[in-house]
Amino acid sequence: KQESYCRQGYQVLVRILENRRQYPQAAVVLKESLVQFPPAARDGRPQHLKQIVGNWGRFEPISTQPAGKGAGVEFRFRNGKKVHFDAFAIKVPLLLSDIKAYLKSDPGRLDYNKVNLNNIGFRLVQAKESKYLGERVARWSLDLNPRENHFDRRVTVTTPLQKPGAYLV
């Protein structure tokens, strides 16, 4: 029973330190907890530590952009010094024809995931619907300057994409 209170205390202390944006201290406490209580199956602490001290990045939401001006994307990152990007064209005509065919088939109960165009990124990456993924149209890299103490930094990435269309980056 006392062991479970100690383990829970570590978890609470890590959350408090993170909420106070004291990431280096949170990482130290998390490492101590991993030594004191070695990870078991489905223990999220090693991943949690990696999320604090490891290289991490994600795209921020953006709106539609005009063609011909070099599309830009917002990228939030932590700890990384360089990032590589690949851009693939999305086969929009094929996607639209499949949606039309699905709707014309009168499916009865509509599957929202099959008609939601805003969800195409999820479908390409998570649902493995690669038939809508075209050829790579661009590849580039960007040097990053991370903030100290594992703080996030946000940068605008100018892409080489000039033609109108939809892309998976």
N, C-alpha and C. Protein backbone atom coordinates (compact mmCIF):
# COMPACT_ATOMS: atom_id res chain seq x y z
N LYS A 1 0.83 -1.20 0.00
CA LYS A 1 0.00 0.00 0.00
C LYS A 1 0.87 1.26 0.00
N GLN A 2 1.91 1.26 0.83
CA GLN A 2 2.80 2.41 0.91
C GLN A 2 3.52 2.62 -0.42
N GLU A 3 3.87 1.51 -1.09
CA GLU A 3 4.54 1.60 -2.39
C GLU A 3 3.64 2.30 -3.41
N SER A 4 2.35 2.01 -3.38
CA SER A 4 1.44 2.63 -4.34
C SER A 4 1.30 4.12 -4.06
N TYR A 5 1.33 4.52 -2.78
CA TYR A 5 1.28 5.95 -2.44
C TYR A 5 2.54 6.66 -2.92
N CYS A 6 3.67 6.02 -2.78
CA CYS A 6 4.94 6.60 -3.23
C CYS A 6 4.93 6.78 -4.75
N ARG A 7 4.49 5.75 -5.43
CA ARG A 7 4.44 5.81 -6.91
C ARG A 7 3.47 6.91 -7.36
N GLN A 8 2.33 6.98 -6.70
CA GLN A 8 1.35 8.01 -7.03
C GLN A 8 1.90 9.40 -6.71
N GLY A 9 2.67 9.52 -5.65
CA GLY A 9 3.30 10.79 -5.29
C GLY A 9 4.23 11.28 -6.39
N TYR A 10 5.01 10.35 -6.96
CA TYR A 10 5.88 10.72 -8.08
C TYR A 10 5.04 11.28 -9.23
N GLN A 11 3.95 10.61 -9.55
CA GLN A 11 3.10 11.05 -10.67
C GLN A 11 2.53 12.44 -10.42
N VAL A 12 2.07 12.67 -9.20
CA VAL A 12 1.50 13.98 -8.86
C VAL A 12 2.58 15.06 -8.94
N LEU A 13 3.76 14.77 -8.42
CA LEU A 13 4.84 15.74 -8.44
C LEU A 13 5.25 16.09 -9.88
N VAL A 14 5.30 15.08 -10.75
CA VAL A 14 5.64 15.33 -12.15
C VAL A 14 4.59 16.25 -12.78
N ARG A 15 3.32 15.99 -12.55
CA ARG A 15 2.24 16.83 -13.10
C ARG A 15 2.34 18.27 -12.58
N ILE A 16 2.62 18.43 -11.31
CA ILE A 16 2.75 19.77 -10.73
C ILE A 16 3.90 20.52 -11.40
N LEU A 17 5.03 19.85 -11.55
CA LEU A 17 6.19 20.49 -12.17
C LEU A 17 5.89 20.85 -13.63
N GLU A 18 5.22 19.97 -14.34
CA GLU A 18 4.86 20.28 -15.73
C GLU A 18 3.89 21.45 -15.80
N ASN A 19 2.90 21.47 -14.92
CA ASN A 19 1.94 22.57 -14.90
C ASN A 19 2.62 23.90 -14.61
N ARG A 20 3.72 23.85 -13.88
CA ARG A 20 4.49 25.07 -13.58
C ARG A 20 5.56 25.33 -14.63
N ARG A 21 5.55 24.51 -15.69
CA ARG A 21 6.49 24.63 -16.80
C ARG A 21 7.94 24.46 -16.34
N GLN A 22 8.13 23.61 -15.37
CA GLN A 22 9.46 23.27 -14.86
C GLN A 22 9.85 21.90 -15.42
N TYR A 23 10.04 21.86 -16.74
CA TYR A 23 10.24 20.60 -17.44
C TYR A 23 11.53 19.87 -17.07
N PRO A 24 12.66 20.55 -16.89
CA PRO A 24 13.87 19.80 -16.49
C PRO A 24 13.68 19.10 -15.14
N GLN A 25 13.04 19.77 -14.19
CA GLN A 25 12.79 19.16 -12.88
C GLN A 25 11.80 18.00 -13.00
N ALA A 26 10.79 18.16 -13.85
CA ALA A 26 9.82 17.08 -14.06
C ALA A 26 10.52 15.86 -14.65
N ALA A 27 11.47 16.07 -15.56
CA ALA A 27 12.21 14.95 -16.16
C ALA A 27 13.05 14.25 -15.11
N VAL A 28 13.67 15.00 -14.21
CA VAL A 28 14.49 14.39 -13.14
C VAL A 28 13.61 13.52 -12.24
N VAL A 29 12.46 14.03 -11.83
CA VAL A 29 11.56 13.26 -10.96
C VAL A 29 11.04 12.03 -11.69
N LEU A 30 10.73 12.17 -12.97
CA LEU A 30 10.25 11.03 -13.75
C LEU A 30 11.33 9.96 -13.86
N LYS A 31 12.58 10.37 -14.08
CA LYS A 31 13.68 9.40 -14.12
C LYS A 31 13.84 8.70 -12.77
N GLU A 32 13.72 9.45 -11.69
CA GLU A 32 13.80 8.85 -10.35
C GLU A 32 12.70 7.81 -10.16
N SER A 33 11.49 8.12 -10.62
CA SER A 33 10.38 7.17 -10.45
C SER A 33 10.62 5.90 -11.25
N LEU A 34 11.26 6.04 -12.43
CA LEU A 34 11.56 4.86 -13.25
C LEU A 34 12.62 3.98 -12.60
N VAL A 35 13.55 4.59 -11.86
CA VAL A 35 14.56 3.82 -11.14
C VAL A 35 13.91 3.14 -9.93
N GLN A 36 13.12 3.91 -9.19
CA GLN A 36 12.46 3.40 -7.97
C GLN A 36 11.44 2.31 -8.30
N PHE A 37 10.69 2.53 -9.37
CA PHE A 37 9.65 1.58 -9.78
C PHE A 37 9.84 1.27 -11.27
N PRO A 38 10.62 0.24 -11.60
CA PRO A 38 10.89 -0.07 -13.01
C PRO A 38 9.58 -0.25 -13.79
N PRO A 39 9.60 0.19 -15.05
CA PRO A 39 8.36 0.14 -15.83
C PRO A 39 7.89 -1.27 -16.10
N ALA A 40 6.58 -1.42 -16.04
CA ALA A 40 5.93 -2.69 -16.37
C ALA A 40 5.22 -2.51 -17.72
N ALA A 41 4.54 -3.55 -18.16
CA ALA A 41 3.79 -3.47 -19.42
C ALA A 41 2.75 -2.36 -19.32
N ARG A 42 2.57 -1.66 -20.41
CA ARG A 42 1.59 -0.57 -20.51
C ARG A 42 1.86 0.59 -19.55
N ASP A 43 3.09 0.74 -19.13
CA ASP A 43 3.48 1.85 -18.26
C ASP A 43 3.85 3.02 -19.16
N GLY A 44 3.15 4.10 -19.04
CA GLY A 44 3.36 5.25 -19.92
C GLY A 44 4.50 6.17 -19.51
N ARG A 45 5.17 5.88 -18.40
CA ARG A 45 6.22 6.78 -17.93
C ARG A 45 7.40 6.91 -18.89
N PRO A 46 7.90 5.80 -19.48
CA PRO A 46 9.02 5.99 -20.43
C PRO A 46 8.64 6.90 -21.61
N GLN A 47 7.42 6.74 -22.13
CA GLN A 47 6.95 7.60 -23.22
C GLN A 47 6.79 9.04 -22.74
N HIS A 48 6.32 9.20 -21.52
CA HIS A 48 6.14 10.53 -20.95
C HIS A 48 7.49 11.25 -20.86
N LEU A 49 8.51 10.53 -20.39
CA LEU A 49 9.85 11.10 -20.30
C LEU A 49 10.37 11.48 -21.69
N LYS A 50 10.15 10.60 -22.65
CA LYS A 50 10.59 10.87 -24.02
C LYS A 50 9.88 12.10 -24.58
N GLN A 51 8.62 12.28 -24.22
CA GLN A 51 7.87 13.44 -24.70
C GLN A 51 8.45 14.74 -24.14
N ILE A 52 9.00 14.70 -22.94
CA ILE A 52 9.59 15.91 -22.35
C ILE A 52 10.98 16.18 -22.93
N VAL A 53 11.85 15.18 -22.94
CA VAL A 53 13.26 15.41 -23.28
C VAL A 53 13.61 15.05 -24.72
N GLY A 54 12.75 14.34 -25.41
CA GLY A 54 13.05 13.91 -26.77
C GLY A 54 12.67 14.95 -27.80
N ASN A 55 13.02 14.67 -29.05
CA ASN A 55 12.64 15.54 -30.16
C ASN A 55 11.17 15.29 -30.47
N TRP A 56 10.42 16.36 -30.63
CA TRP A 56 8.98 16.26 -30.84
C TRP A 56 8.54 17.41 -31.74
N GLY A 57 7.58 17.16 -32.60
CA GLY A 57 7.06 18.22 -33.45
C GLY A 57 5.67 17.88 -33.96
N ARG A 58 4.91 18.93 -34.29
CA ARG A 58 3.58 18.74 -34.86
C ARG A 58 3.18 19.98 -35.65
N PHE A 59 2.29 19.77 -36.59
CA PHE A 59 1.75 20.88 -37.36
C PHE A 59 0.59 21.48 -36.59
N GLU A 60 0.49 22.79 -36.66
CA GLU A 60 -0.65 23.50 -36.07
C GLU A 60 -1.72 23.66 -37.15
N PRO A 61 -2.97 23.79 -36.76
CA PRO A 61 -4.03 23.96 -37.77
C PRO A 61 -3.81 25.23 -38.60
N ILE A 62 -4.12 25.14 -39.89
CA ILE A 62 -4.02 26.29 -40.79
C ILE A 62 -5.26 26.34 -41.66
N SER A 63 -5.46 27.46 -42.32
CA SER A 63 -6.59 27.58 -43.23
C SER A 63 -6.12 27.40 -44.67
N THR A 64 -7.05 27.40 -45.57
CA THR A 64 -6.75 27.31 -47.00
C THR A 64 -5.88 28.50 -47.40
N GLN A 65 -4.95 28.26 -48.31
CA GLN A 65 -4.03 29.31 -48.75
C GLN A 65 -4.07 29.47 -50.25
N PRO A 66 -3.80 30.67 -50.75
CA PRO A 66 -3.83 30.88 -52.21
C PRO A 66 -2.66 30.20 -52.90
N ALA A 67 -2.90 29.75 -54.11
CA ALA A 67 -1.83 29.11 -54.90
C ALA A 67 -0.87 30.17 -55.42
N GLY A 68 0.36 29.74 -55.70
CA GLY A 68 1.33 30.62 -56.32
C GLY A 68 2.11 31.50 -55.37
N LYS A 69 1.85 31.41 -54.08
CA LYS A 69 2.54 32.27 -53.12
C LYS A 69 3.41 31.48 -52.16
N GLY A 70 3.62 30.20 -52.39
CA GLY A 70 4.42 29.40 -51.47
C GLY A 70 3.69 29.18 -50.16
N ALA A 71 2.99 28.09 -50.06
CA ALA A 71 2.20 27.81 -48.87
C ALA A 71 3.09 27.76 -47.63
N GLY A 72 2.56 28.23 -46.53
CA GLY A 72 3.28 28.17 -45.25
C GLY A 72 2.49 27.33 -44.26
N VAL A 73 3.20 26.65 -43.39
CA VAL A 73 2.57 25.86 -42.34
C VAL A 73 3.19 26.24 -41.00
N GLU A 74 2.40 26.17 -39.96
CA GLU A 74 2.88 26.44 -38.61
C GLU A 74 3.34 25.12 -38.01
N PHE A 75 4.55 25.11 -37.46
CA PHE A 75 5.15 23.91 -36.90
C PHE A 75 5.59 24.19 -35.47
N ARG A 76 5.10 23.40 -34.54
CA ARG A 76 5.49 23.51 -33.13
C ARG A 76 6.43 22.36 -32.83
N PHE A 77 7.55 22.66 -32.14
CA PHE A 77 8.53 21.61 -31.87
C PHE A 77 9.16 21.80 -30.50
N ARG A 78 9.82 20.75 -30.07
CA ARG A 78 10.54 20.76 -28.79
C ARG A 78 11.83 19.97 -28.97
N ASN A 79 12.95 20.57 -28.57
CA ASN A 79 14.26 19.94 -28.47
C ASN A 79 14.94 19.62 -29.80
N GLY A 80 14.26 19.60 -30.91
CA GLY A 80 14.85 19.22 -32.18
C GLY A 80 15.71 20.32 -32.77
N LYS A 81 16.70 19.93 -33.56
CA LYS A 81 17.61 20.90 -34.19
C LYS A 81 17.44 20.94 -35.71
N LYS A 82 16.78 19.93 -36.27
CA LYS A 82 16.56 19.89 -37.72
C LYS A 82 15.33 19.05 -38.00
N VAL A 83 14.58 19.43 -39.03
CA VAL A 83 13.41 18.67 -39.43
C VAL A 83 13.43 18.52 -40.95
N HIS A 84 12.99 17.36 -41.41
CA HIS A 84 12.92 17.06 -42.84
C HIS A 84 11.44 16.91 -43.22
N PHE A 85 11.08 17.46 -44.35
CA PHE A 85 9.70 17.40 -44.83
C PHE A 85 9.64 16.75 -46.20
N ASP A 86 8.57 16.00 -46.44
CA ASP A 86 8.21 15.47 -47.75
C ASP A 86 6.78 15.91 -48.00
N ALA A 87 6.49 16.36 -49.21
CA ALA A 87 5.12 16.74 -49.58
C ALA A 87 4.65 15.83 -50.71
N PHE A 88 3.48 15.26 -50.53
CA PHE A 88 2.88 14.37 -51.52
C PHE A 88 1.57 14.98 -51.99
N ALA A 89 1.34 14.93 -53.30
CA ALA A 89 0.08 15.41 -53.85
C ALA A 89 -1.03 14.45 -53.45
N ILE A 90 -2.19 15.00 -53.21
CA ILE A 90 -3.37 14.18 -52.93
C ILE A 90 -4.19 14.12 -54.22
N LYS A 91 -4.63 12.92 -54.56
CA LYS A 91 -5.41 12.71 -55.79
C LYS A 91 -6.86 13.14 -55.55
N VAL A 92 -7.07 14.44 -55.62
CA VAL A 92 -8.38 15.02 -55.32
C VAL A 92 -9.46 14.52 -56.27
N PRO A 93 -9.23 14.46 -57.59
CA PRO A 93 -10.29 13.96 -58.48
C PRO A 93 -10.73 12.54 -58.13
N LEU A 94 -9.80 11.66 -57.80
CA LEU A 94 -10.14 10.29 -57.40
C LEU A 94 -10.94 10.28 -56.10
N LEU A 95 -10.51 11.09 -55.16
CA LEU A 95 -11.22 11.19 -53.88
C LEU A 95 -12.65 11.65 -54.09
N LEU A 96 -12.83 12.70 -54.88
CA LEU A 96 -14.17 13.23 -55.13
C LEU A 96 -15.05 12.22 -55.89
N SER A 97 -14.47 11.52 -56.86
CA SER A 97 -15.27 10.54 -57.60
C SER A 97 -15.68 9.39 -56.69
N ASP A 98 -14.82 8.98 -55.77
CA ASP A 98 -15.19 7.91 -54.83
C ASP A 98 -16.29 8.37 -53.88
N ILE A 99 -16.23 9.63 -53.45
CA ILE A 99 -17.29 10.15 -52.57
C ILE A 99 -18.61 10.20 -53.34
N LYS A 100 -18.58 10.67 -54.58
CA LYS A 100 -19.80 10.72 -55.39
C LYS A 100 -20.37 9.31 -55.60
N ALA A 101 -19.51 8.36 -55.91
CA ALA A 101 -19.97 6.98 -56.12
C ALA A 101 -20.57 6.42 -54.83
N TYR A 102 -19.97 6.72 -53.71
CA TYR A 102 -20.51 6.26 -52.42
C TYR A 102 -21.89 6.85 -52.17
N LEU A 103 -22.05 8.14 -52.43
CA LEU A 103 -23.35 8.79 -52.22
C LEU A 103 -24.40 8.26 -53.19
N LYS A 104 -24.00 8.01 -54.45
CA LYS A 104 -24.94 7.49 -55.45
C LYS A 104 -25.36 6.05 -55.14
N SER A 105 -24.54 5.33 -54.37
CA SER A 105 -24.87 3.94 -54.04
C SER A 105 -25.98 3.84 -53.00
N ASP A 106 -26.44 4.99 -52.52
CA ASP A 106 -27.50 5.05 -51.52
C ASP A 106 -27.20 4.12 -50.35
N PRO A 107 -26.16 4.45 -49.57
CA PRO A 107 -25.70 3.53 -48.52
C PRO A 107 -26.67 3.36 -47.35
N GLY A 108 -27.78 4.07 -47.36
CA GLY A 108 -28.70 3.96 -46.22
C GLY A 108 -28.18 4.84 -45.09
N ARG A 109 -27.48 4.23 -44.18
CA ARG A 109 -26.88 5.00 -43.09
C ARG A 109 -25.53 5.54 -43.57
N LEU A 110 -25.40 6.86 -43.60
CA LEU A 110 -24.23 7.52 -44.14
C LEU A 110 -23.03 7.38 -43.21
N ASP A 111 -21.91 6.94 -43.77
CA ASP A 111 -20.65 6.88 -43.01
C ASP A 111 -19.96 8.23 -43.17
N TYR A 112 -20.00 9.02 -42.12
CA TYR A 112 -19.46 10.39 -42.16
C TYR A 112 -17.98 10.40 -42.54
N ASN A 113 -17.22 9.40 -42.12
CA ASN A 113 -15.80 9.35 -42.43
C ASN A 113 -15.54 9.24 -43.93
N LYS A 114 -16.47 8.67 -44.68
CA LYS A 114 -16.28 8.51 -46.12
C LYS A 114 -16.61 9.76 -46.92
N VAL A 115 -17.32 10.70 -46.32
CA VAL A 115 -17.71 11.91 -47.05
C VAL A 115 -17.08 13.18 -46.48
N ASN A 116 -16.36 13.08 -45.40
CA ASN A 116 -15.77 14.25 -44.75
C ASN A 116 -14.41 14.58 -45.39
N LEU A 117 -14.38 15.59 -46.23
CA LEU A 117 -13.14 15.98 -46.89
C LEU A 117 -12.11 16.55 -45.92
N ASN A 118 -12.56 17.14 -44.84
CA ASN A 118 -11.64 17.71 -43.85
C ASN A 118 -10.84 16.63 -43.14
N ASN A 119 -11.26 15.40 -43.28
CA ASN A 119 -10.64 14.28 -42.58
C ASN A 119 -9.65 13.51 -43.45
N ILE A 120 -9.29 14.07 -44.60
CA ILE A 120 -8.47 13.32 -45.55
C ILE A 120 -7.08 13.01 -44.98
N GLY A 121 -6.50 13.91 -44.21
CA GLY A 121 -5.20 13.64 -43.61
C GLY A 121 -5.24 12.43 -42.70
N PHE A 122 -6.26 12.34 -41.88
CA PHE A 122 -6.44 11.18 -41.00
C PHE A 122 -6.59 9.91 -41.83
N ARG A 123 -7.39 9.99 -42.88
CA ARG A 123 -7.62 8.80 -43.70
C ARG A 123 -6.34 8.33 -44.37
N LEU A 124 -5.52 9.26 -44.82
CA LEU A 124 -4.27 8.88 -45.48
C LEU A 124 -3.27 8.28 -44.51
N VAL A 125 -3.16 8.86 -43.31
CA VAL A 125 -2.13 8.45 -42.37
C VAL A 125 -2.60 7.30 -41.48
N GLN A 126 -3.74 7.45 -40.85
CA GLN A 126 -4.21 6.46 -39.87
C GLN A 126 -4.97 5.30 -40.50
N ALA A 127 -5.84 5.60 -41.45
CA ALA A 127 -6.66 4.54 -42.06
C ALA A 127 -5.97 3.89 -43.26
N LYS A 128 -4.76 4.34 -43.58
CA LYS A 128 -3.94 3.74 -44.64
C LYS A 128 -4.65 3.73 -45.99
N GLU A 129 -5.39 4.79 -46.29
CA GLU A 129 -6.07 4.89 -47.59
C GLU A 129 -5.12 5.52 -48.59
N SER A 130 -4.05 4.82 -48.89
CA SER A 130 -2.96 5.36 -49.71
C SER A 130 -3.33 5.50 -51.19
N LYS A 131 -4.46 4.97 -51.61
CA LYS A 131 -4.81 5.10 -53.02
C LYS A 131 -5.05 6.56 -53.41
N TYR A 132 -5.28 7.44 -52.42
CA TYR A 132 -5.47 8.86 -52.69
C TYR A 132 -4.16 9.65 -52.63
N LEU A 133 -3.08 8.96 -52.32
CA LEU A 133 -1.78 9.62 -52.17
C LEU A 133 -1.02 9.56 -53.48
N GLY A 134 -0.67 10.72 -54.00
CA GLY A 134 0.06 10.80 -55.26
C GLY A 134 1.56 10.78 -55.04
N GLU A 135 2.28 11.27 -56.03
CA GLU A 135 3.74 11.25 -55.98
C GLU A 135 4.28 12.35 -55.07
N ARG A 136 5.52 12.15 -54.65
CA ARG A 136 6.17 13.18 -53.85
C ARG A 136 6.47 14.35 -54.79
N VAL A 137 6.08 15.54 -54.37
CA VAL A 137 6.27 16.73 -55.21
C VAL A 137 7.31 17.67 -54.64
N ALA A 138 7.71 17.46 -53.39
CA ALA A 138 8.74 18.33 -52.80
C ALA A 138 9.38 17.63 -51.61
N ARG A 139 10.63 18.00 -51.38
CA ARG A 139 11.38 17.51 -50.20
C ARG A 139 12.29 18.65 -49.78
N TRP A 140 12.27 18.98 -48.49
CA TRP A 140 13.13 20.04 -47.99
C TRP A 140 13.40 19.83 -46.50
N SER A 141 14.38 20.56 -45.99
CA SER A 141 14.76 20.48 -44.58
C SER A 141 14.81 21.89 -44.00
N LEU A 142 14.75 21.94 -42.69
CA LEU A 142 14.79 23.23 -41.99
C LEU A 142 15.59 23.06 -40.71
N ASP A 143 16.57 23.92 -40.51
CA ASP A 143 17.29 23.94 -39.24
C ASP A 143 16.41 24.60 -38.19
N LEU A 144 16.43 24.04 -36.99
CA LEU A 144 15.61 24.54 -35.90
C LEU A 144 16.49 25.05 -34.77
N ASN A 145 15.97 26.00 -34.05
CA ASN A 145 16.67 26.55 -32.89
C ASN A 145 15.76 26.34 -31.67
N PRO A 146 15.92 25.21 -30.96
CA PRO A 146 15.00 24.92 -29.86
C PRO A 146 15.21 25.85 -28.67
N ARG A 147 14.15 26.07 -27.93
CA ARG A 147 14.24 26.86 -26.70
C ARG A 147 14.87 26.01 -25.61
N GLU A 148 15.41 26.67 -24.63
CA GLU A 148 16.02 25.97 -23.50
C GLU A 148 14.94 25.35 -22.62
N ASN A 149 15.37 24.42 -21.78
CA ASN A 149 14.53 23.80 -20.76
C ASN A 149 13.30 23.08 -21.30
N HIS A 150 13.41 22.56 -22.52
CA HIS A 150 12.36 21.74 -23.14
C HIS A 150 11.07 22.51 -23.42
N PHE A 151 11.16 23.82 -23.59
CA PHE A 151 9.98 24.60 -23.94
C PHE A 151 9.69 24.46 -25.43
N ASP A 152 8.41 24.56 -25.79
CA ASP A 152 8.00 24.49 -27.19
C ASP A 152 8.38 25.79 -27.90
N ARG A 153 8.64 25.68 -29.19
CA ARG A 153 8.83 26.84 -30.05
C ARG A 153 7.95 26.62 -31.27
N ARG A 154 7.42 27.70 -31.80
CA ARG A 154 6.56 27.64 -32.98
C ARG A 154 7.21 28.46 -34.09
N VAL A 155 7.28 27.87 -35.29
CA VAL A 155 7.86 28.56 -36.43
C VAL A 155 6.92 28.42 -37.63
N THR A 156 7.00 29.39 -38.52
CA THR A 156 6.27 29.29 -39.78
C THR A 156 7.23 28.72 -40.81
N VAL A 157 6.83 27.63 -41.41
CA VAL A 157 7.65 26.94 -42.41
C VAL A 157 7.12 27.32 -43.79
N THR A 158 7.96 27.96 -44.58
CA THR A 158 7.58 28.28 -45.96
C THR A 158 7.90 27.05 -46.81
N THR A 159 6.90 26.58 -47.51
CA THR A 159 7.08 25.38 -48.33
C THR A 159 7.41 25.78 -49.77
N PRO A 160 7.95 24.87 -50.55
CA PRO A 160 8.19 25.14 -51.98
C PRO A 160 6.94 24.89 -52.84
N LEU A 161 5.80 24.60 -52.24
CA LEU A 161 4.59 24.25 -52.98
C LEU A 161 3.98 25.50 -53.60
N GLN A 162 3.87 25.53 -54.92
CA GLN A 162 3.35 26.68 -55.64
C GLN A 162 2.05 26.37 -56.40
N LYS A 163 1.87 25.12 -56.82
CA LYS A 163 0.71 24.76 -57.63
C LYS A 163 -0.51 24.58 -56.74
N PRO A 164 -1.71 24.89 -57.29
CA PRO A 164 -2.92 24.64 -56.52
C PRO A 164 -3.13 23.15 -56.31
N GLY A 165 -3.75 22.79 -55.22
CA GLY A 165 -4.03 21.39 -54.94
C GLY A 165 -4.04 21.13 -53.46
N ALA A 166 -4.13 19.87 -53.12
CA ALA A 166 -4.09 19.45 -51.73
C ALA A 166 -2.85 18.56 -51.57
N TYR A 167 -2.19 18.71 -50.42
CA TYR A 167 -0.93 18.00 -50.20
C TYR A 167 -0.89 17.41 -48.81
N LEU A 168 -0.21 16.28 -48.69
CA LEU A 168 0.10 15.69 -47.39
C LEU A 168 1.58 15.97 -47.15
N VAL A 169 1.88 16.72 -46.09
CA VAL A 169 3.26 17.07 -45.76
C VAL A 169 3.68 16.24 -44.57
